[in-house]
Amino acid sequence: MSPLRFLALGFAALALQGCLAKAAVGVVTAPVRVVSKGVDLATTSQSEADEKRGREIRKREERLAELEAEYYESMERCSSIEPDACYHAKAVEAEIDELKRGAPTEPDGR
């Protein structure tokens, strides 16, 4: 074997060691990365939970505002002797009460 071939073979062996080591590390750490990604997807961070709760509160408040406007309008029509408006006002009032009963409260700071 010529010295040049021997030198090239030695260089190739050294170069492949890095590739093989990198591939081995990738194979070994792949399951850990997959599991951690799954855990990240399955869990909700506190900031995400707070954002979601804030969106729910805003939607509930918007709906309450709409219902209250509808309720007052129905009550005005009800006072002018429109029986259907009175029934509608009662139904809207029941929905308002239901929304208020299910409204989230601020957590204690304890």
PDB file of N, CA and C in Angstrom:
ATOM      1  N   MET A   1       0.848  -1.164   0.000  1.00  0.00           N
ATOM      2  CA  MET A   1       0.000   0.000   0.000  1.00  0.00           C
ATOM      3  C   MET A   1       0.902   1.238   0.000  1.00  0.00           C
ATOM      4  N   SER A   2       0.555   2.185  -0.829  1.00  0.00           N
ATOM      5  CA  SER A   2       1.392   3.375  -0.938  1.00  0.00           C
ATOM      6  C   SER A   2       1.128   4.306   0.244  1.00  0.00           C
ATOM      7  N   PRO A   3       2.091   5.113   0.593  1.00  0.00           N
ATOM      8  CA  PRO A   3       1.922   6.026   1.733  1.00  0.00           C
ATOM      9  C   PRO A   3       0.778   7.026   1.512  1.00  0.00           C
ATOM     10  N   LEU A   4       0.552   7.406   0.272  1.00  0.00           N
ATOM     11  CA  LEU A   4      -0.519   8.364  -0.005  1.00  0.00           C
ATOM     12  C   LEU A   4      -1.884   7.736   0.268  1.00  0.00           C
ATOM     13  N   ARG A   5      -2.052   6.467  -0.157  1.00  0.00           N
ATOM     14  CA  ARG A   5      -3.312   5.760   0.113  1.00  0.00           C
ATOM     15  C   ARG A   5      -3.494   5.562   1.620  1.00  0.00           C
ATOM     16  N   PHE A   6      -2.431   5.221   2.288  1.00  0.00           N
ATOM     17  CA  PHE A   6      -2.492   4.999   3.722  1.00  0.00           C
ATOM     18  C   PHE A   6      -2.895   6.300   4.440  1.00  0.00           C
ATOM     19  N   LEU A   7      -2.329   7.404   4.001  1.00  0.00           N
ATOM     20  CA  LEU A   7      -2.651   8.700   4.579  1.00  0.00           C
ATOM     21  C   LEU A   7      -4.115   9.073   4.295  1.00  0.00           C
ATOM     22  N   ALA A   8      -4.589   8.832   3.082  1.00  0.00           N
ATOM     23  CA  ALA A   8      -5.979   9.122   2.718  1.00  0.00           C
ATOM     24  C   ALA A   8      -6.928   8.250   3.522  1.00  0.00           C
ATOM     25  N   LEU A   9      -6.589   6.978   3.700  1.00  0.00           N
ATOM     26  CA  LEU A   9      -7.411   6.061   4.475  1.00  0.00           C
ATOM     27  C   LEU A   9      -7.472   6.503   5.941  1.00  0.00           C
ATOM     28  N   GLY A  10      -6.359   6.934   6.472  1.00  0.00           N
ATOM     29  CA  GLY A  10      -6.323   7.429   7.854  1.00  0.00           C
ATOM     30  C   GLY A  10      -7.162   8.686   8.013  1.00  0.00           C
ATOM     31  N   PHE A  11      -7.052   9.591   7.061  1.00  0.00           N
ATOM     32  CA  PHE A  11      -7.839  10.821   7.109  1.00  0.00           C
ATOM     33  C   PHE A  11      -9.339  10.524   7.018  1.00  0.00           C
ATOM     34  N   ALA A  12      -9.720   9.594   6.116  1.00  0.00           N
ATOM     35  CA  ALA A  12     -11.123   9.205   5.963  1.00  0.00           C
ATOM     36  C   ALA A  12     -11.650   8.581   7.254  1.00  0.00           C
ATOM     37  N   ALA A  13     -10.824   7.768   7.903  1.00  0.00           N
ATOM     38  CA  ALA A  13     -11.242   7.130   9.151  1.00  0.00           C
ATOM     39  C   ALA A  13     -11.485   8.178  10.230  1.00  0.00           C
ATOM     40  N   LEU A  14     -10.623   9.179  10.297  1.00  0.00           N
ATOM     41  CA  LEU A  14     -10.804  10.238  11.281  1.00  0.00           C
ATOM     42  C   LEU A  14     -12.049  11.072  10.977  1.00  0.00           C
ATOM     43  N   ALA A  15     -12.270  11.359   9.719  1.00  0.00           N
ATOM     44  CA  ALA A  15     -13.423  12.165   9.321  1.00  0.00           C
ATOM     45  C   ALA A  15     -14.717  11.411   9.586  1.00  0.00           C
ATOM     46  N   LEU A  16     -14.730  10.126   9.326  1.00  0.00           N
ATOM     47  CA  LEU A  16     -15.942   9.334   9.544  1.00  0.00           C
ATOM     48  C   LEU A  16     -16.252   9.153  11.017  1.00  0.00           C
ATOM     49  N   GLN A  17     -15.253   9.177  11.874  1.00  0.00           N
ATOM     50  CA  GLN A  17     -15.502   9.048  13.303  1.00  0.00           C
ATOM     51  C   GLN A  17     -16.409  10.170  13.784  1.00  0.00           C
ATOM     52  N   GLY A  18     -16.167  11.373  13.311  1.00  0.00           N
ATOM     53  CA  GLY A  18     -17.016  12.509  13.701  1.00  0.00           C
ATOM     54  C   GLY A  18     -18.433  12.329  13.223  1.00  0.00           C
ATOM     55  N   CYS A  19     -18.595  11.849  11.995  1.00  0.00           N
ATOM     56  CA  CYS A  19     -19.934  11.619  11.451  1.00  0.00           C
ATOM     57  C   CYS A  19     -20.641  10.525  12.230  1.00  0.00           C
ATOM     58  N   LEU A  20     -19.918   9.459  12.494  1.00  0.00           N
ATOM     59  CA  LEU A  20     -20.521   8.348  13.224  1.00  0.00           C
ATOM     60  C   LEU A  20     -20.882   8.764  14.649  1.00  0.00           C
ATOM     61  N   ALA A  21     -20.021   9.527  15.275  1.00  0.00           N
ATOM     62  CA  ALA A  21     -20.308   9.979  16.637  1.00  0.00           C
ATOM     63  C   ALA A  21     -21.524  10.898  16.645  1.00  0.00           C
ATOM     64  N   LYS A  22     -21.599  11.789  15.661  1.00  0.00           N
ATOM     65  CA  LYS A  22     -22.737  12.700  15.583  1.00  0.00           C
ATOM     66  C   LYS A  22     -24.027  11.926  15.320  1.00  0.00           C
ATOM     67  N   ALA A  23     -23.953  10.942  14.445  1.00  0.00           N
ATOM     68  CA  ALA A  23     -25.124  10.115  14.161  1.00  0.00           C
ATOM     69  C   ALA A  23     -25.545   9.326  15.395  1.00  0.00           C
ATOM     70  N   ALA A  24     -24.578   8.816  16.135  1.00  0.00           N
ATOM     71  CA  ALA A  24     -24.884   8.055  17.342  1.00  0.00           C
ATOM     72  C   ALA A  24     -25.547   8.947  18.385  1.00  0.00           C
ATOM     73  N   VAL A  25     -25.046  10.163  18.534  1.00  0.00           N
ATOM     74  CA  VAL A  25     -25.655  11.102  19.484  1.00  0.00           C
ATOM     75  C   VAL A  25     -27.080  11.426  19.050  1.00  0.00           C
ATOM     76  N   GLY A  26     -27.282  11.618  17.751  1.00  0.00           N
ATOM     77  CA  GLY A  26     -28.622  11.905  17.240  1.00  0.00           C
ATOM     78  C   GLY A  26     -29.589  10.772  17.505  1.00  0.00           C
ATOM     79  N   VAL A  27     -29.123   9.551  17.317  1.00  0.00           N
ATOM     80  CA  VAL A  27     -29.973   8.370  17.554  1.00  0.00           C
ATOM     81  C   VAL A  27     -30.287   8.228  19.035  1.00  0.00           C
ATOM     82  N   VAL A  28     -29.306   8.475  19.882  1.00  0.00           N
ATOM     83  CA  VAL A  28     -29.507   8.327  21.318  1.00  0.00           C
ATOM     84  C   VAL A  28     -30.433   9.410  21.862  1.00  0.00           C
ATOM     85  N   THR A  29     -30.309  10.645  21.396  1.00  0.00           N
ATOM     86  CA  THR A  29     -31.118  11.740  21.939  1.00  0.00           C
ATOM     87  C   THR A  29     -32.479  11.883  21.268  1.00  0.00           C
ATOM     88  N   ALA A  30     -32.716  11.195  20.159  1.00  0.00           N
ATOM     89  CA  ALA A  30     -33.984  11.327  19.449  1.00  0.00           C
ATOM     90  C   ALA A  30     -35.187  10.966  20.326  1.00  0.00           C
ATOM     91  N   PRO A  31     -35.180   9.855  21.048  1.00  0.00           N
ATOM     92  CA  PRO A  31     -36.351   9.544  21.881  1.00  0.00           C
ATOM     93  C   PRO A  31     -36.608  10.605  22.958  1.00  0.00           C
ATOM     94  N   VAL A  32     -35.553  11.151  23.503  1.00  0.00           N
ATOM     95  CA  VAL A  32     -35.715  12.189  24.530  1.00  0.00           C
ATOM     96  C   VAL A  32     -36.355  13.424  23.925  1.00  0.00           C
ATOM     97  N   ARG A  33     -35.918  13.811  22.734  1.00  0.00           N
ATOM     98  CA  ARG A  33     -36.492  14.980  22.078  1.00  0.00           C
ATOM     99  C   ARG A  33     -37.959  14.752  21.729  1.00  0.00           C
ATOM    100  N   VAL A  34     -38.291  13.551  21.275  1.00  0.00           N
ATOM    101  CA  VAL A  34     -39.676  13.244  20.915  1.00  0.00           C
ATOM    102  C   VAL A  34     -40.564  13.309  22.152  1.00  0.00           C
ATOM    103  N   VAL A  35     -40.105  12.719  23.253  1.00  0.00           N
ATOM    104  CA  VAL A  35     -40.902  12.722  24.481  1.00  0.00           C
ATOM    105  C   VAL A  35     -41.060  14.139  25.015  1.00  0.00           C
ATOM    106  N   SER A  36     -39.996  14.926  25.020  1.00  0.00           N
ATOM    107  CA  SER A  36     -40.102  16.289  25.541  1.00  0.00           C
ATOM    108  C   SER A  36     -41.013  17.143  24.675  1.00  0.00           C
ATOM    109  N   LYS A  37     -40.995  16.924  23.369  1.00  0.00           N
ATOM    110  CA  LYS A  37     -41.896  17.657  22.479  1.00  0.00           C
ATOM    111  C   LYS A  37     -43.343  17.279  22.783  1.00  0.00           C
ATOM    112  N   GLY A  38     -43.588  16.002  23.022  1.00  0.00           N
ATOM    113  CA  GLY A  38     -44.934  15.547  23.379  1.00  0.00           C
ATOM    114  C   GLY A  38     -45.402  16.143  24.690  1.00  0.00           C
ATOM    115  N   VAL A  39     -44.518  16.231  25.654  1.00  0.00           N
ATOM    116  CA  VAL A  39     -44.871  16.837  26.944  1.00  0.00           C
ATOM    117  C   VAL A  39     -45.182  18.315  26.759  1.00  0.00           C
ATOM    118  N   ASP A  40     -44.392  19.002  25.951  1.00  0.00           N
ATOM    119  CA  ASP A  40     -44.648  20.424  25.689  1.00  0.00           C
ATOM    120  C   ASP A  40     -46.015  20.626  25.047  1.00  0.00           C
ATOM    121  N   LEU A  41     -46.367  19.744  24.122  1.00  0.00           N
ATOM    122  CA  LEU A  41     -47.660  19.866  23.457  1.00  0.00           C
ATOM    123  C   LEU A  41     -48.813  19.508  24.388  1.00  0.00           C
ATOM    124  N   ALA A  42     -48.582  18.594  25.323  1.00  0.00           N
ATOM    125  CA  ALA A  42     -49.642  18.127  26.206  1.00  0.00           C
ATOM    126  C   ALA A  42     -49.881  19.052  27.390  1.00  0.00           C
ATOM    127  N   THR A  43     -48.905  19.839  27.765  1.00  0.00           N
ATOM    128  CA  THR A  43     -49.067  20.704  28.926  1.00  0.00           C
ATOM    129  C   THR A  43     -49.304  22.140  28.499  1.00  0.00           C
ATOM    130  N   THR A  44     -49.948  22.883  29.369  1.00  0.00           N
ATOM    131  CA  THR A  44     -50.231  24.285  29.117  1.00  0.00           C
ATOM    132  C   THR A  44     -49.440  25.115  30.118  1.00  0.00           C
ATOM    133  N   SER A  45     -48.726  26.086  29.621  1.00  0.00           N
ATOM    134  CA  SER A  45     -47.961  26.936  30.524  1.00  0.00           C
ATOM    135  C   SER A  45     -48.909  27.876  31.264  1.00  0.00           C
ATOM    136  N   GLN A  46     -48.427  28.454  32.333  1.00  0.00           N
ATOM    137  CA  GLN A  46     -49.258  29.361  33.130  1.00  0.00           C
ATOM    138  C   GLN A  46     -49.683  30.570  32.315  1.00  0.00           C
ATOM    139  N   SER A  47     -48.782  31.094  31.486  1.00  0.00           N
ATOM    140  CA  SER A  47     -49.147  32.263  30.680  1.00  0.00           C
ATOM    141  C   SER A  47     -50.217  31.911  29.647  1.00  0.00           C
ATOM    142  N   GLU A  48     -50.127  30.717  29.063  1.00  0.00           N
ATOM    143  CA  GLU A  48     -51.168  30.290  28.122  1.00  0.00           C
ATOM    144  C   GLU A  48     -52.501  30.138  28.823  1.00  0.00           C
ATOM    145  N   ALA A  49     -52.494  29.574  30.030  1.00  0.00           N
ATOM    146  CA  ALA A  49     -53.725  29.414  30.796  1.00  0.00           C
ATOM    147  C   ALA A  49     -54.320  30.775  31.148  1.00  0.00           C
ATOM    148  N   ASP A  50     -53.464  31.739  31.513  1.00  0.00           N
ATOM    149  CA  ASP A  50     -53.936  33.079  31.834  1.00  0.00           C
ATOM    150  C   ASP A  50     -54.550  33.755  30.612  1.00  0.00           C
ATOM    151  N   GLU A  51     -53.912  33.591  29.454  1.00  0.00           N
ATOM    152  CA  GLU A  51     -54.438  34.180  28.220  1.00  0.00           C
ATOM    153  C   GLU A  51     -55.798  33.587  27.882  1.00  0.00           C
ATOM    154  N   LYS A  52     -55.916  32.274  28.025  1.00  0.00           N
ATOM    155  CA  LYS A  52     -57.177  31.604  27.726  1.00  0.00           C
ATOM    156  C   LYS A  52     -58.271  32.085  28.672  1.00  0.00           C
ATOM    157  N   ARG A  53     -57.935  32.202  29.941  1.00  0.00           N
ATOM    158  CA  ARG A  53     -58.901  32.667  30.937  1.00  0.00           C
ATOM    159  C   ARG A  53     -59.318  34.100  30.633  1.00  0.00           C
ATOM    160  N   GLY A  54     -58.372  34.933  30.232  1.00  0.00           N
ATOM    161  CA  GLY A  54     -58.687  36.313  29.883  1.00  0.00           C
ATOM    162  C   GLY A  54     -59.625  36.402  28.687  1.00  0.00           C
ATOM    163  N   ARG A  55     -59.382  35.561  27.679  1.00  0.00           N
ATOM    164  CA  ARG A  55     -60.278  35.533  26.510  1.00  0.00           C
ATOM    165  C   ARG A  55     -61.688  35.122  26.921  1.00  0.00           C
ATOM    166  N   GLU A  56     -61.797  34.104  27.784  1.00  0.00           N
ATOM    167  CA  GLU A  56     -63.109  33.645  28.233  1.00  0.00           C
ATOM    168  C   GLU A  56     -63.842  34.747  28.995  1.00  0.00           C
ATOM    169  N   ILE A  57     -63.123  35.459  29.844  1.00  0.00           N
ATOM    170  CA  ILE A  57     -63.738  36.545  30.616  1.00  0.00           C
ATOM    171  C   ILE A  57     -64.213  37.654  29.683  1.00  0.00           C
ATOM    172  N   ARG A  58     -63.379  38.022  28.702  1.00  0.00           N
ATOM    173  CA  ARG A  58     -63.775  39.079  27.753  1.00  0.00           C
ATOM    174  C   ARG A  58     -65.014  38.660  26.963  1.00  0.00           C
ATOM    175  N   LYS A  59     -65.054  37.412  26.497  1.00  0.00           N
ATOM    176  CA  LYS A  59     -66.229  36.937  25.747  1.00  0.00           C
ATOM    177  C   LYS A  59     -67.475  36.979  26.612  1.00  0.00           C
ATOM    178  N   ARG A  60     -67.338  36.548  27.859  1.00  0.00           N
ATOM    179  CA  ARG A  60     -68.489  36.554  28.775  1.00  0.00           C
ATOM    180  C   ARG A  60     -68.961  37.988  29.020  1.00  0.00           C
ATOM    181  N   GLU A  61     -68.030  38.916  29.228  1.00  0.00           N
ATOM    182  CA  GLU A  61     -68.403  40.310  29.467  1.00  0.00           C
ATOM    183  C   GLU A  61     -69.074  40.930  28.247  1.00  0.00           C
ATOM    184  N   GLU A  62     -68.580  40.592  27.038  1.00  0.00           N
ATOM    185  CA  GLU A  62     -69.203  41.093  25.815  1.00  0.00           C
ATOM    186  C   GLU A  62     -70.626  40.565  25.686  1.00  0.00           C
ATOM    187  N   ARG A  63     -70.791  39.280  25.969  1.00  0.00           N
ATOM    188  CA  ARG A  63     -72.129  38.680  25.879  1.00  0.00           C
ATOM    189  C   ARG A  63     -73.059  39.294  26.919  1.00  0.00           C
ATOM    190  N   LEU A  64     -72.560  39.537  28.129  1.00  0.00           N
ATOM    191  CA  LEU A  64     -73.389  40.169  29.160  1.00  0.00           C
ATOM    192  C   LEU A  64     -73.833  41.565  28.728  1.00  0.00           C
ATOM    193  N   ALA A  65     -72.933  42.318  28.124  1.00  0.00           N
ATOM    194  CA  ALA A  65     -73.276  43.660  27.655  1.00  0.00           C
ATOM    195  C   ALA A  65     -74.366  43.600  26.590  1.00  0.00           C
ATOM    196  N   GLU A  66     -74.244  42.652  25.670  1.00  0.00           N
ATOM    197  CA  GLU A  66     -75.265  42.485  24.627  1.00  0.00           C
ATOM    198  C   GLU A  66     -76.607  42.120  25.251  1.00  0.00           C
ATOM    199  N   LEU A  67     -76.586  41.171  26.189  1.00  0.00           N
ATOM    200  CA  LEU A  67     -77.823  40.733  26.821  1.00  0.00           C
ATOM    201  C   LEU A  67     -78.478  41.844  27.639  1.00  0.00           C
ATOM    202  N   GLU A  68     -77.668  42.630  28.343  1.00  0.00           N
ATOM    203  CA  GLU A  68     -78.235  43.718  29.143  1.00  0.00           C
ATOM    204  C   GLU A  68     -78.904  44.759  28.251  1.00  0.00           C
ATOM    205  N   ALA A  69     -78.279  45.075  27.113  1.00  0.00           N
ATOM    206  CA  ALA A  69     -78.893  46.023  26.172  1.00  0.00           C
ATOM    207  C   ALA A  69     -80.201  45.451  25.641  1.00  0.00           C
ATOM    208  N   GLU A  70     -80.193  44.171  25.309  1.00  0.00           N
ATOM    209  CA  GLU A  70     -81.399  43.511  24.809  1.00  0.00           C
ATOM    210  C   GLU A  70     -82.482  43.484  25.888  1.00  0.00           C
ATOM    211  N   TYR A  71     -82.079  43.253  27.120  1.00  0.00           N
ATOM    212  CA  TYR A  71     -83.025  43.198  28.241  1.00  0.00           C
ATOM    213  C   TYR A  71     -83.707  44.555  28.440  1.00  0.00           C
ATOM    214  N   TYR A  72     -82.918  45.628  28.464  1.00  0.00           N
ATOM    215  CA  TYR A  72     -83.496  46.959  28.674  1.00  0.00           C
ATOM    216  C   TYR A  72     -84.426  47.352  27.526  1.00  0.00           C
ATOM    217  N   GLU A  73     -84.056  46.976  26.325  1.00  0.00           N
ATOM    218  CA  GLU A  73     -84.919  47.253  25.170  1.00  0.00           C
ATOM    219  C   GLU A  73     -86.235  46.500  25.307  1.00  0.00           C
ATOM    220  N   SER A  74     -86.167  45.245  25.706  1.00  0.00           N
ATOM    221  CA  SER A  74     -87.383  44.448  25.887  1.00  0.00           C
ATOM    222  C   SER A  74     -88.241  44.999  27.019  1.00  0.00           C
ATOM    223  N   MET A  75     -87.607  45.472  28.083  1.00  0.00           N
ATOM    224  CA  MET A  75     -88.365  46.027  29.204  1.00  0.00           C
ATOM    225  C   MET A  75     -89.089  47.309  28.789  1.00  0.00           C
ATOM    226  N   GLU A  76     -88.459  48.104  27.936  1.00  0.00           N
ATOM    227  CA  GLU A  76     -89.136  49.311  27.439  1.00  0.00           C
ATOM    228  C   GLU A  76     -90.363  48.937  26.621  1.00  0.00           C
ATOM    229  N   ARG A  77     -90.208  47.937  25.770  1.00  0.00           N
ATOM    230  CA  ARG A  77     -91.341  47.485  24.961  1.00  0.00           C
ATOM    231  C   ARG A  77     -92.395  46.822  25.837  1.00  0.00           C
ATOM    232  N   CYS A  78     -91.951  46.149  26.892  1.00  0.00           N
ATOM    233  CA  CYS A  78     -92.877  45.477  27.800  1.00  0.00           C
ATOM    234  C   CYS A  78     -93.748  46.504  28.526  1.00  0.00           C
ATOM    235  N   SER A  79     -93.154  47.628  28.893  1.00  0.00           N
ATOM    236  CA  SER A  79     -93.920  48.657  29.602  1.00  0.00           C
ATOM    237  C   SER A  79     -94.973  49.300  28.704  1.00  0.00           C
ATOM    238  N   SER A  80     -94.822  49.134  27.393  1.00  0.00           N
ATOM    239  CA  SER A  80     -95.831  49.662  26.472  1.00  0.00           C
ATOM    240  C   SER A  80     -96.843  48.575  26.112  1.00  0.00           C
ATOM    241  N   ILE A  81     -97.006  47.634  27.010  1.00  0.00           N
ATOM    242  CA  ILE A  81     -98.004  46.564  26.912  1.00  0.00           C
ATOM    243  C   ILE A  81     -97.785  45.678  25.679  1.00  0.00           C
ATOM    244  N   GLU A  82     -96.593  45.176  25.527  1.00  0.00           N
ATOM    245  CA  GLU A  82     -96.292  44.159  24.516  1.00  0.00           C
ATOM    246  C   GLU A  82     -95.970  42.880  25.265  1.00  0.00           C
ATOM    247  N   PRO A  83     -96.891  41.946  25.389  1.00  0.00           N
ATOM    248  CA  PRO A  83     -96.669  40.742  26.204  1.00  0.00           C
ATOM    249  C   PRO A  83     -95.479  39.899  25.739  1.00  0.00           C
ATOM    250  N   ASP A  84     -95.257  39.828  24.453  1.00  0.00           N
ATOM    251  CA  ASP A  84     -94.121  39.025  23.965  1.00  0.00           C
ATOM    252  C   ASP A  84     -92.793  39.616  24.429  1.00  0.00           C
ATOM    253  N   ALA A  85     -92.717  40.930  24.505  1.00  0.00           N
ATOM    254  CA  ALA A  85     -91.495  41.583  24.959  1.00  0.00           C
ATOM    255  C   ALA A  85     -91.230  41.250  26.420  1.00  0.00           C
ATOM    256  N   CYS A  86     -92.288  41.133  27.214  1.00  0.00           N
ATOM    257  CA  CYS A  86     -92.121  40.777  28.631  1.00  0.00           C
ATOM    258  C   CYS A  86     -91.550  39.366  28.766  1.00  0.00           C
ATOM    259  N   TYR A  87     -92.053  38.427  27.981  1.00  0.00           N
ATOM    260  CA  TYR A  87     -91.538  37.054  28.021  1.00  0.00           C
ATOM    261  C   TYR A  87     -90.085  37.002  27.566  1.00  0.00           C
ATOM    262  N   HIS A  88     -89.802  37.779  26.531  1.00  0.00           N
ATOM    263  CA  HIS A  88     -88.436  37.823  26.023  1.00  0.00           C
ATOM    264  C   HIS A  88     -87.499  38.409  27.076  1.00  0.00           C
ATOM    265  N   ALA A  89     -87.947  39.457  27.749  1.00  0.00           N
ATOM    266  CA  ALA A  89     -87.124  40.086  28.791  1.00  0.00           C
ATOM    267  C   ALA A  89     -86.834  39.082  29.910  1.00  0.00           C
ATOM    268  N   LYS A  90     -87.818  38.277  30.292  1.00  0.00           N
ATOM    269  CA  LYS A  90     -87.614  37.260  31.332  1.00  0.00           C
ATOM    270  C   LYS A  90     -86.588  36.224  30.885  1.00  0.00           C
ATOM    271  N   ALA A  91     -86.665  35.803  29.620  1.00  0.00           N
ATOM    272  CA  ALA A  91     -85.715  34.809  29.099  1.00  0.00           C
ATOM    273  C   ALA A  91     -84.302  35.385  29.073  1.00  0.00           C
ATOM    274  N   VAL A  92     -84.173  36.637  28.660  1.00  0.00           N
ATOM    275  CA  VAL A  92     -82.862  37.284  28.618  1.00  0.00           C
ATOM    276  C   VAL A  92     -82.321  37.442  30.036  1.00  0.00           C
ATOM    277  N   GLU A  93     -83.186  37.808  30.969  1.00  0.00           N
ATOM    278  CA  GLU A  93     -82.762  37.964  32.357  1.00  0.00           C
ATOM    279  C   GLU A  93     -82.259  36.634  32.926  1.00  0.00           C
ATOM    280  N   ALA A  94     -82.919  35.545  32.567  1.00  0.00           N
ATOM    281  CA  ALA A  94     -82.468  34.220  33.022  1.00  0.00           C
ATOM    282  C   ALA A  94     -81.093  33.888  32.456  1.00  0.00           C
ATOM    283  N   GLU A  95     -80.858  34.227  31.196  1.00  0.00           N
ATOM    284  CA  GLU A  95     -79.551  33.974  30.595  1.00  0.00           C
ATOM    285  C   GLU A  95     -78.467  34.830  31.245  1.00  0.00           C
ATOM    286  N   ILE A  96     -78.805  36.070  31.569  1.00  0.00           N
ATOM    287  CA  ILE A  96     -77.853  36.948  32.260  1.00  0.00           C
ATOM    288  C   ILE A  96     -77.490  36.353  33.617  1.00  0.00           C
ATOM    289  N   ASP A  97     -78.508  35.911  34.348  1.00  0.00           N
ATOM    290  CA  ASP A  97     -78.257  35.307  35.663  1.00  0.00           C
ATOM    291  C   ASP A  97     -77.369  34.075  35.543  1.00  0.00           C
ATOM    292  N   GLU A  98     -77.608  33.271  34.525  1.00  0.00           N
ATOM    293  CA  GLU A  98     -76.804  32.059  34.314  1.00  0.00           C
ATOM    294  C   GLU A  98     -75.347  32.418  34.007  1.00  0.00           C
ATOM    295  N   LEU A  99     -75.146  33.420  33.171  1.00  0.00           N
ATOM    296  CA  LEU A  99     -73.782  33.846  32.851  1.00  0.00           C
ATOM    297  C   LEU A  99     -73.071  34.410  34.078  1.00  0.00           C
ATOM    298  N   LYS A 100     -73.788  35.194  34.877  1.00  0.00           N
ATOM    299  CA  LYS A 100     -73.176  35.775  36.070  1.00  0.00           C
ATOM    300  C   LYS A 100     -72.848  34.702  37.101  1.00  0.00           C
ATOM    301  N   ARG A 101     -73.680  33.691  37.191  1.00  0.00           N
ATOM    302  CA  ARG A 101     -73.439  32.614  38.149  1.00  0.00           C
ATOM    303  C   ARG A 101     -72.191  31.819  37.779  1.00  0.00           C
ATOM    304  N   GLY A 102     -71.943  31.654  36.501  1.00  0.00           N
ATOM    305  CA  GLY A 102     -70.787  30.882  36.043  1.00  0.00           C
ATOM    306  C   GLY A 102     -69.544  31.708  35.822  1.00  0.00           C
ATOM    307  N   ALA A 103     -69.590  32.987  36.170  1.00  0.00           N
ATOM    308  CA  ALA A 103     -68.445  33.859  35.937  1.00  0.00           C
ATOM    309  C   ALA A 103     -67.282  33.467  36.836  1.00  0.00           C
ATOM    310  N   PRO A 104     -66.089  33.406  36.274  1.00  0.00           N
ATOM    311  CA  PRO A 104     -64.924  33.067  37.097  1.00  0.00           C
ATOM    312  C   PRO A 104     -64.594  34.200  38.044  1.00  0.00           C
ATOM    313  N   THR A 105     -64.076  33.849  39.172  1.00  0.00           N
ATOM    314  CA  THR A 105     -63.667  34.851  40.144  1.00  0.00           C
ATOM    315  C   THR A 105     -62.152  34.924  40.160  1.00  0.00           C
ATOM    316  N   GLU A 106     -61.645  36.014  40.670  1.00  0.00           N
ATOM    317  CA  GLU A 106     -60.187  36.172  40.770  1.00  0.00           C
ATOM    318  C   GLU A 106     -59.651  35.211  41.829  1.00  0.00           C
ATOM    319  N   PRO A 107     -58.542  34.535  41.553  1.00  0.00           N
ATOM    320  CA  PRO A 107     -57.975  33.635  42.544  1.00  0.00           C
ATOM    321  C   PRO A 107     -57.403  34.412  43.726  1.00  0.00           C
ATOM    322  N   ASP A 108     -57.424  33.762  44.883  1.00  0.00           N
ATOM    323  CA  ASP A 108     -56.845  34.392  46.080  1.00  0.00           C
ATOM    324  C   ASP A 108     -55.352  34.510  45.895  1.00  0.00           C
ATOM    325  N   GLY A 109     -54.770  35.555  46.390  1.00  0.00           N
ATOM    326  CA  GLY A 109     -53.339  35.775  46.271  1.00  0.00           C
ATOM    327  C   GLY A 109     -52.551  35.081  47.372  1.00  0.00           C
ATOM    328  N   ARG A 110     -53.137  34.126  48.031  1.00  0.00           N
ATOM    329  CA  ARG A 110     -52.457  33.444  49.145  1.00  0.00           C
ATOM    330  C   ARG A 110     -51.493  32.423  48.699  1.00  0.00           C
TER     331      ARG A 110
END
